[in-house]
Amino acid sequence: MKILYVAARYDPHDLNAGSGSDYQFYQALLRMGAAVRIIGPFHDDPSLVEKAYRKIHSLITTRRYAKFSNHFLHTSQQATELEIRNYKPDVIFSRNIAPLVLCKTSTPIIYRFDTTLIGSHEQWPIFSEVEYQRMLHWERKVLQKTSLAVTHSEWSAQILAERYHFPVHK
């Protein structure tokens, strides 16, 4: 099986990157005998307009702006789509929504996450309401494309089913 591992922020080759879970998932896929190609991680380089927006946002509220810039969404999407065309994977695996938000593909997507944005925001509301709604839109778009969602808690699975109406069998 050919898997395209889309790494957004952390390098799956590096055990010490982030929490190390990118590395662990990459190693698990290899142990299963999959042919895994990694794309990313990607560098977020916001445009001047986005930098200005972030500055104004931080003057208006103490809450955070979105995790990723629009530039990041576009550049990671373009690179991902190019790699899909070149590698022709059987499945796409990612732990991050950013490269998948704008991605147009018919290749099945496996999306792995700790918790949904709704669950995270209800427990720890760190984003401004505008940015939360923007990221929630991104997450919903990715979940619509997702063939299989992998989460590590019944709590997250319940939120997926009840609040996002994500099919339980997926």
C-alpha atoms as a PDB file:
ATOM      1  CA  MET A   1       0.000   0.000   0.000  1.00  0.00           C
ATOM      2  CA  LYS A   2       1.284   3.458  -0.948  1.00  0.00           C
ATOM      3  CA  ILE A   3       0.687   6.091   1.718  1.00  0.00           C
ATOM      4  CA  LEU A   4       1.336   9.803   1.346  1.00  0.00           C
ATOM      5  CA  TYR A   5       2.125  11.098   4.836  1.00  0.00           C
ATOM      6  CA  VAL A   6       1.344  14.810   4.874  1.00  0.00           C
ATOM      7  CA  ALA A   7       3.345  16.384   7.686  1.00  0.00           C
ATOM      8  CA  ALA A   8       2.390  19.983   8.338  1.00  0.00           C
ATOM      9  CA  ARG A   9       4.581  21.199  11.188  1.00  0.00           C
ATOM     10  CA  TYR A  10       6.735  18.330  12.441  1.00  0.00           C
ATOM     11  CA  ASP A  11       9.092  16.009  10.611  1.00  0.00           C
ATOM     12  CA  PRO A  12       8.035  12.357  11.016  1.00  0.00           C
ATOM     13  CA  HIS A  13      11.709  11.352  10.736  1.00  0.00           C
ATOM     14  CA  ASP A  14      12.471  13.213  13.990  1.00  0.00           C
ATOM     15  CA  LEU A  15      11.436  11.551  17.255  1.00  0.00           C
ATOM     16  CA  ASN A  16      11.988  14.833  19.098  1.00  0.00           C
ATOM     17  CA  ALA A  17       9.830  16.982  16.817  1.00  0.00           C
ATOM     18  CA  GLY A  18       6.645  18.098  18.527  1.00  0.00           C
ATOM     19  CA  SER A  19       5.298  15.370  20.782  1.00  0.00           C
ATOM     20  CA  GLY A  20       7.015  12.636  18.774  1.00  0.00           C
ATOM     21  CA  SER A  21       3.678  11.254  17.604  1.00  0.00           C
ATOM     22  CA  ASP A  22       4.409  12.069  13.939  1.00  0.00           C
ATOM     23  CA  TYR A  23       7.488   9.883  14.245  1.00  0.00           C
ATOM     24  CA  GLN A  24       5.556   7.109  16.003  1.00  0.00           C
ATOM     25  CA  PHE A  25       2.804   7.027  13.378  1.00  0.00           C
ATOM     26  CA  TYR A  26       5.356   7.020  10.569  1.00  0.00           C
ATOM     27  CA  GLN A  27       7.206   4.104  12.190  1.00  0.00           C
ATOM     28  CA  ALA A  28       3.931   2.198  12.703  1.00  0.00           C
ATOM     29  CA  LEU A  29       3.044   2.595   9.030  1.00  0.00           C
ATOM     30  CA  LEU A  30       6.475   1.305   8.028  1.00  0.00           C
ATOM     31  CA  ARG A  31       6.160  -1.685  10.392  1.00  0.00           C
ATOM     32  CA  MET A  32       2.875  -2.542   8.688  1.00  0.00           C
ATOM     33  CA  GLY A  33       4.799  -2.816   5.431  1.00  0.00           C
ATOM     34  CA  ALA A  34       3.426   0.314   3.773  1.00  0.00           C
ATOM     35  CA  ALA A  35       5.409   2.288   1.232  1.00  0.00           C
ATOM     36  CA  VAL A  36       5.346   5.716   2.856  1.00  0.00           C
ATOM     37  CA  ARG A  37       6.314   8.976   1.203  1.00  0.00           C
ATOM     38  CA  ILE A  38       6.478  12.064   3.398  1.00  0.00           C
ATOM     39  CA  ILE A  39       5.676  15.529   2.203  1.00  0.00           C
ATOM     40  CA  GLY A  40       6.425  18.434   4.524  1.00  0.00           C
ATOM     41  CA  PRO A  41       6.801  19.762   7.055  1.00  0.00           C
ATOM     42  CA  PHE A  42       5.864  23.114   5.605  1.00  0.00           C
ATOM     43  CA  HIS A  43       7.039  26.536   6.692  1.00  0.00           C
ATOM     44  CA  ASP A  44       4.391  29.126   7.533  1.00  0.00           C
ATOM     45  CA  ASP A  45       5.371  32.449   5.986  1.00  0.00           C
ATOM     46  CA  PRO A  46       2.367  34.788   6.291  1.00  0.00           C
ATOM     47  CA  SER A  47       1.926  37.525   3.706  1.00  0.00           C
ATOM     48  CA  LEU A  48       2.378  41.168   4.712  1.00  0.00           C
ATOM     49  CA  VAL A  49      -1.409  41.547   4.825  1.00  0.00           C
ATOM     50  CA  GLU A  50      -1.708  38.557   7.167  1.00  0.00           C
ATOM     51  CA  LYS A  51       1.103  39.871   9.359  1.00  0.00           C
ATOM     52  CA  ALA A  52      -0.686  43.223   9.593  1.00  0.00           C
ATOM     53  CA  TYR A  53      -3.977  41.466  10.400  1.00  0.00           C
ATOM     54  CA  ARG A  54      -2.284  39.465  13.153  1.00  0.00           C
ATOM     55  CA  LYS A  55      -0.809  42.642  14.641  1.00  0.00           C
ATOM     56  CA  ILE A  56      -4.195  44.370  14.651  1.00  0.00           C
ATOM     57  CA  HIS A  57      -5.841  41.215  16.017  1.00  0.00           C
ATOM     58  CA  SER A  58      -3.388  41.131  18.924  1.00  0.00           C
ATOM     59  CA  LEU A  59      -4.143  44.783  19.718  1.00  0.00           C
ATOM     60  CA  ILE A  60      -7.892  44.115  19.806  1.00  0.00           C
ATOM     61  CA  THR A  61      -7.915  40.892  21.816  1.00  0.00           C
ATOM     62  CA  THR A  62      -5.684  38.786  24.025  1.00  0.00           C
ATOM     63  CA  ARG A  63      -7.060  35.667  22.340  1.00  0.00           C
ATOM     64  CA  ARG A  64      -5.030  33.964  19.626  1.00  0.00           C
ATOM     65  CA  TYR A  65      -5.473  34.136  15.888  1.00  0.00           C
ATOM     66  CA  ALA A  66      -5.712  31.010  13.725  1.00  0.00           C
ATOM     67  CA  LYS A  67      -2.931  28.439  13.939  1.00  0.00           C
ATOM     68  CA  PHE A  68      -2.139  28.768  10.228  1.00  0.00           C
ATOM     69  CA  SER A  69      -2.024  31.599   7.747  1.00  0.00           C
ATOM     70  CA  ASN A  70      -3.922  31.515   4.457  1.00  0.00           C
ATOM     71  CA  HIS A  71      -0.535  31.452   2.756  1.00  0.00           C
ATOM     72  CA  PHE A  72       0.286  28.235   4.648  1.00  0.00           C
ATOM     73  CA  LEU A  73      -3.029  26.679   3.591  1.00  0.00           C
ATOM     74  CA  HIS A  74      -2.367  27.501  -0.057  1.00  0.00           C
ATOM     75  CA  THR A  75       1.303  26.528  -0.260  1.00  0.00           C
ATOM     76  CA  SER A  76       0.811  23.254   1.615  1.00  0.00           C
ATOM     77  CA  GLN A  77      -2.264  22.448  -0.523  1.00  0.00           C
ATOM     78  CA  GLN A  78      -0.361  23.060  -3.757  1.00  0.00           C
ATOM     79  CA  ALA A  79       2.563  20.902  -2.667  1.00  0.00           C
ATOM     80  CA  THR A  80       0.210  18.150  -1.482  1.00  0.00           C
ATOM     81  CA  GLU A  81      -1.789  18.084  -4.709  1.00  0.00           C
ATOM     82  CA  LEU A  82       1.415  17.962  -6.765  1.00  0.00           C
ATOM     83  CA  GLU A  83       2.700  15.036  -4.707  1.00  0.00           C
ATOM     84  CA  ILE A  84      -0.650  13.234  -5.064  1.00  0.00           C
ATOM     85  CA  ARG A  85      -0.393  13.531  -8.854  1.00  0.00           C
ATOM     86  CA  ASN A  86       3.241  12.383  -8.906  1.00  0.00           C
ATOM     87  CA  TYR A  87       3.143   9.596  -6.287  1.00  0.00           C
ATOM     88  CA  LYS A  88      -0.427   8.370  -6.849  1.00  0.00           C
ATOM     89  CA  PRO A  89      -0.912   7.090  -3.294  1.00  0.00           C
ATOM     90  CA  ASP A  90      -3.588   4.632  -2.247  1.00  0.00           C
ATOM     91  CA  VAL A  91      -4.296   6.728   0.834  1.00  0.00           C
ATOM     92  CA  ILE A  92      -3.325  10.053   2.403  1.00  0.00           C
ATOM     93  CA  PHE A  93      -2.490  10.195   6.114  1.00  0.00           C
ATOM     94  CA  SER A  94      -2.167  13.387   8.128  1.00  0.00           C
ATOM     95  CA  ARG A  95      -2.224  14.600  11.693  1.00  0.00           C
ATOM     96  CA  ASN A  96      -2.950  18.144  10.610  1.00  0.00           C
ATOM     97  CA  ILE A  97      -5.802  19.760   8.732  1.00  0.00           C
ATOM     98  CA  ALA A  98      -3.906  22.680   7.170  1.00  0.00           C
ATOM     99  CA  PRO A  99      -2.605  20.968   3.994  1.00  0.00           C
ATOM    100  CA  LEU A 100      -5.979  19.266   3.476  1.00  0.00           C
ATOM    101  CA  VAL A 101      -8.355  22.221   3.865  1.00  0.00           C
ATOM    102  CA  LEU A 102      -8.097  23.345   0.240  1.00  0.00           C
ATOM    103  CA  CYS A 103      -6.833  20.065  -1.202  1.00  0.00           C
ATOM    104  CA  LYS A 104      -8.904  18.613  -4.019  1.00  0.00           C
ATOM    105  CA  THR A 105      -8.475  14.859  -4.287  1.00  0.00           C
ATOM    106  CA  SER A 106     -10.435  11.663  -4.633  1.00  0.00           C
ATOM    107  CA  THR A 107      -7.727   9.734  -2.754  1.00  0.00           C
ATOM    108  CA  PRO A 108      -9.018   8.460   0.612  1.00  0.00           C
ATOM    109  CA  ILE A 109      -7.854  10.515   3.595  1.00  0.00           C
ATOM    110  CA  ILE A 110      -7.061   9.200   7.057  1.00  0.00           C
ATOM    111  CA  TYR A 111      -7.061  12.081   9.510  1.00  0.00           C
ATOM    112  CA  ARG A 112      -5.617  11.513  12.991  1.00  0.00           C
ATOM    113  CA  PHE A 113      -6.078  14.006  15.827  1.00  0.00           C
ATOM    114  CA  ASP A 114      -6.156  14.235  19.588  1.00  0.00           C
ATOM    115  CA  THR A 115      -9.359  16.208  19.790  1.00  0.00           C
ATOM    116  CA  THR A 116     -11.699  18.237  17.649  1.00  0.00           C
ATOM    117  CA  LEU A 117     -11.532  21.996  17.655  1.00  0.00           C
ATOM    118  CA  ILE A 118     -14.948  22.109  19.337  1.00  0.00           C
ATOM    119  CA  GLY A 119     -13.705  19.897  22.177  1.00  0.00           C
ATOM    120  CA  SER A 120     -10.490  21.832  22.540  1.00  0.00           C
ATOM    121  CA  HIS A 121     -12.236  25.210  22.477  1.00  0.00           C
ATOM    122  CA  GLU A 122     -14.792  24.164  25.071  1.00  0.00           C
ATOM    123  CA  GLN A 123     -12.030  22.985  27.419  1.00  0.00           C
ATOM    124  CA  TRP A 124      -9.516  25.723  26.689  1.00  0.00           C
ATOM    125  CA  PRO A 125     -10.850  28.677  24.658  1.00  0.00           C
ATOM    126  CA  ILE A 126      -7.633  30.328  23.503  1.00  0.00           C
ATOM    127  CA  PHE A 127      -8.725  31.593  20.062  1.00  0.00           C
ATOM    128  CA  SER A 128     -10.788  34.701  19.371  1.00  0.00           C
ATOM    129  CA  GLU A 129     -14.330  33.938  18.251  1.00  0.00           C
ATOM    130  CA  VAL A 130     -13.643  35.039  14.665  1.00  0.00           C
ATOM    131  CA  GLU A 131     -10.546  32.850  14.418  1.00  0.00           C
ATOM    132  CA  TYR A 132     -12.281  29.933  16.149  1.00  0.00           C
ATOM    133  CA  GLN A 133     -15.108  30.064  13.594  1.00  0.00           C
ATOM    134  CA  ARG A 134     -12.617  30.268  10.730  1.00  0.00           C
ATOM    135  CA  MET A 135     -10.689  27.213  11.974  1.00  0.00           C
ATOM    136  CA  LEU A 136     -13.940  25.364  12.676  1.00  0.00           C
ATOM    137  CA  HIS A 137     -14.875  25.893   9.031  1.00  0.00           C
ATOM    138  CA  TRP A 138     -11.486  24.434   8.012  1.00  0.00           C
ATOM    139  CA  GLU A 139     -11.928  21.400  10.254  1.00  0.00           C
ATOM    140  CA  ARG A 140     -15.421  20.709   8.927  1.00  0.00           C
ATOM    141  CA  LYS A 141     -14.153  20.894   5.339  1.00  0.00           C
ATOM    142  CA  VAL A 142     -11.442  18.345   6.077  1.00  0.00           C
ATOM    143  CA  LEU A 143     -13.834  16.031   7.913  1.00  0.00           C
ATOM    144  CA  GLN A 144     -16.147  16.063   4.869  1.00  0.00           C
ATOM    145  CA  LYS A 145     -13.248  14.671   2.818  1.00  0.00           C
ATOM    146  CA  THR A 146     -12.068  12.228   5.484  1.00  0.00           C
ATOM    147  CA  SER A 147     -12.561   8.515   4.892  1.00  0.00           C
ATOM    148  CA  LEU A 148     -11.340   7.463   8.332  1.00  0.00           C
ATOM    149  CA  ALA A 149     -10.845   9.536  11.494  1.00  0.00           C
ATOM    150  CA  VAL A 150      -8.461   8.276  14.167  1.00  0.00           C
ATOM    151  CA  THR A 151      -8.800   9.691  17.648  1.00  0.00           C
ATOM    152  CA  HIS A 152      -7.635   8.407  20.999  1.00  0.00           C
ATOM    153  CA  SER A 153     -10.667   9.028  23.160  1.00  0.00           C
ATOM    154  CA  GLU A 154     -14.342   8.227  23.340  1.00  0.00           C
ATOM    155  CA  TRP A 155     -14.869  11.892  24.214  1.00  0.00           C
ATOM    156  CA  SER A 156     -13.488  13.034  20.840  1.00  0.00           C
ATOM    157  CA  ALA A 157     -15.362  10.299  18.984  1.00  0.00           C
ATOM    158  CA  GLN A 158     -18.590  11.384  20.680  1.00  0.00           C
ATOM    159  CA  ILE A 159     -18.040  15.023  19.664  1.00  0.00           C
ATOM    160  CA  LEU A 160     -17.347  13.897  16.100  1.00  0.00           C
ATOM    161  CA  ALA A 161     -20.598  11.957  15.950  1.00  0.00           C
ATOM    162  CA  GLU A 162     -22.853  14.358  17.848  1.00  0.00           C
ATOM    163  CA  ARG A 163     -21.537  17.804  16.955  1.00  0.00           C
ATOM    164  CA  TYR A 164     -19.995  17.275  13.527  1.00  0.00           C
ATOM    165  CA  HIS A 165     -22.404  14.507  12.451  1.00  0.00           C
ATOM    166  CA  PHE A 166     -19.392  12.485  11.316  1.00  0.00           C
ATOM    167  CA  PRO A 167     -20.425   8.894  10.498  1.00  0.00           C
ATOM    168  CA  VAL A 168     -19.661   6.593  13.428  1.00  0.00           C
ATOM    169  CA  HIS A 169     -18.519   3.778  11.118  1.00  0.00           C
ATOM    170  CA  LYS A 170     -15.702   6.019   9.873  1.00  0.00           C
END
